[in-house]
Amino acid sequence: MTRLGVLEPHREGLRRLLAFLALPLNLPLAARLLYRTVDALWFEAGDRSTDFSFYTKRGLLAGIYAGTTLCWLDDKTAGFARTRDFLDRRISEVMQIPRLKARASEMAKPFVPPRFRRAS
C-alpha cells in the first residue's frame, strides 16, 4: 500500500504504462519490470533466501502485487478501502498455503512407499 501511495499522483500515467506493457511485443519487458519490483520488495523486507523459496516468494508476490495494482487503479473508495480489503484477502489466502501443503502431505502418506518417506 505504501508503494501505491507513492504512485498515487501518477495513477493515470501508470494506467497508460500498463496498457502499453500489455501489448504482446512488450510482455517480456512487463515480466522483467514485475520481477524487479517484487524482488526489490522482498529484498527491502529482509529476504536473503537463495533456495527454492526465493522463487516461490517472488511468484506469489507477483500475483498479489499485480492484482492489487489493478484493483487500486479502479478504486474510488475513501482511503482506497476496497484495495486494502482486496490485499488483505490475497495475503490471507497465501497464508493458508503452508497449512494446505501439510494437509496434502498428510493425505498422501498412505501412497508413498516407506523407503521414500521422511523421518518425522
Protein backbone atom coordinates (compact mmCIF):
# COMPACT_ATOMS: atom_id res chain seq x y z
CA MET A 1 0.00 0.00 0.00
CA THR A 2 2.95 2.31 0.65
CA ARG A 3 4.23 1.80 -2.87
CA LEU A 4 0.79 2.50 -4.32
CA GLY A 5 0.53 5.60 -2.14
CA VAL A 6 3.75 6.90 -3.68
CA LEU A 7 2.34 6.20 -7.15
CA GLU A 8 -0.98 7.91 -6.42
CA PRO A 9 -0.13 11.22 -8.17
CA HIS A 10 0.80 9.18 -11.26
CA ARG A 11 -2.22 6.86 -11.44
CA GLU A 12 -3.20 7.82 -14.96
CA GLY A 13 0.39 7.50 -16.15
CA LEU A 14 0.61 4.04 -14.58
CA ARG A 15 -2.68 3.06 -16.23
CA ARG A 16 -1.28 4.08 -19.62
CA LEU A 17 2.02 2.33 -18.96
CA LEU A 18 0.22 -0.91 -18.10
CA ALA A 19 -1.82 -0.65 -21.30
CA PHE A 20 1.45 -0.27 -23.23
CA LEU A 21 3.08 -3.18 -21.38
CA ALA A 22 0.05 -5.39 -22.11
CA LEU A 23 0.83 -5.32 -25.83
CA PRO A 24 2.25 -8.70 -26.92
CA LEU A 25 5.56 -7.23 -28.05
CA ASN A 26 6.08 -5.64 -24.61
CA LEU A 27 5.25 -8.67 -22.44
CA PRO A 28 8.92 -9.62 -21.87
CA LEU A 29 9.59 -6.09 -20.60
CA ALA A 30 6.48 -6.25 -18.41
CA ALA A 31 7.67 -9.53 -16.89
CA ARG A 32 11.14 -8.09 -16.17
CA LEU A 33 9.69 -4.98 -14.56
CA LEU A 34 7.31 -7.01 -12.40
CA TYR A 35 10.15 -9.32 -11.34
CA ARG A 36 12.40 -6.38 -10.44
CA THR A 37 9.59 -4.83 -8.42
CA VAL A 38 8.80 -7.91 -6.36
CA ASP A 39 12.49 -8.74 -5.94
CA ALA A 40 13.10 -5.24 -4.58
CA LEU A 41 10.11 -5.53 -2.24
CA TRP A 42 11.37 -8.85 -0.85
CA PHE A 43 14.92 -7.50 -0.55
CA GLU A 44 13.66 -4.49 1.40
CA ALA A 45 11.65 -6.85 3.61
CA GLY A 46 14.92 -8.55 4.51
CA ASP A 47 14.62 -11.69 2.39
CA ARG A 48 18.05 -13.08 1.51
CA SER A 49 16.95 -16.61 0.58
CA THR A 50 18.74 -18.45 -2.22
CA ASP A 51 16.81 -21.72 -2.17
CA PHE A 52 13.56 -22.71 -3.89
CA SER A 53 11.61 -20.36 -1.61
CA PHE A 54 13.34 -17.44 -3.39
CA TYR A 55 11.27 -18.20 -6.48
CA THR A 56 8.04 -19.17 -4.77
CA LYS A 57 8.04 -16.00 -2.66
CA ARG A 58 8.55 -13.82 -5.71
CA GLY A 59 5.98 -15.70 -7.75
CA LEU A 60 3.34 -15.37 -5.06
CA LEU A 61 4.11 -11.70 -4.50
CA ALA A 62 3.98 -11.02 -8.25
CA GLY A 63 0.40 -12.28 -8.36
CA ILE A 64 -0.59 -10.31 -5.30
CA TYR A 65 1.12 -7.12 -6.43
CA ALA A 66 -0.24 -7.23 -9.99
CA GLY A 67 -3.80 -7.93 -8.84
CA THR A 68 -3.66 -5.30 -6.12
CA THR A 69 -2.32 -2.71 -8.57
CA LEU A 70 -5.17 -3.37 -10.99
CA CYS A 71 -7.71 -3.16 -8.16
CA TRP A 72 -6.14 0.10 -6.97
CA LEU A 73 -6.34 1.68 -10.43
CA ASP A 74 -10.12 1.23 -10.39
CA ASP A 75 -10.66 2.02 -6.69
CA LYS A 76 -12.59 5.21 -5.95
CA THR A 77 -13.30 4.49 -2.27
CA ALA A 78 -12.04 6.75 0.52
CA GLY A 79 -8.52 5.78 1.54
CA PHE A 80 -8.58 3.00 -1.06
CA ALA A 81 -10.57 0.82 1.32
CA ARG A 82 -11.54 -1.61 -1.44
CA THR A 83 -7.89 -2.09 -2.40
CA ARG A 84 -6.88 -2.62 1.22
CA ASP A 85 -9.61 -5.26 1.61
CA PHE A 86 -8.52 -6.92 -1.63
CA LEU A 87 -4.89 -7.01 -0.46
CA ASP A 88 -5.87 -8.39 2.95
CA ARG A 89 -7.83 -11.21 1.28
CA ARG A 90 -4.92 -12.11 -1.01
CA ILE A 91 -2.48 -12.20 1.90
CA SER A 92 -4.90 -14.37 3.91
CA GLU A 93 -5.14 -16.79 1.01
CA VAL A 94 -1.35 -17.04 0.68
CA MET A 95 -1.00 -17.62 4.41
CA GLN A 96 -3.16 -20.74 4.04
CA ILE A 97 -0.66 -22.40 1.68
CA PRO A 98 1.57 -23.99 4.38
CA ARG A 99 -1.50 -25.46 6.09
CA LEU A 100 -2.84 -26.84 2.80
CA LYS A 101 0.60 -28.21 1.94
CA ALA A 102 0.81 -30.00 5.30
CA ARG A 103 -2.68 -31.41 4.83
CA ALA A 104 -1.89 -32.67 1.33
CA SER A 105 1.32 -34.25 2.59
CA GLU A 106 -0.57 -35.99 5.38
CA MET A 107 -3.19 -37.27 2.94
CA ALA A 108 -0.51 -38.60 0.57
CA LYS A 109 1.36 -40.61 3.23
CA PRO A 110 -0.50 -43.88 2.59
CA PHE A 111 0.52 -43.71 -1.07
CA VAL A 112 4.24 -43.04 -0.53
CA PRO A 113 6.41 -46.17 -0.35
CA PRO A 114 8.16 -46.47 3.05
CA ARG A 115 11.66 -46.00 1.60
CA PHE A 116 10.68 -42.54 0.30
CA ARG A 117 9.07 -41.28 3.49
CA ARG A 118 10.82 -38.63 5.52
CA ALA A 119 11.55 -39.34 9.13
CA SER A 120 9.10 -37.46 11.33
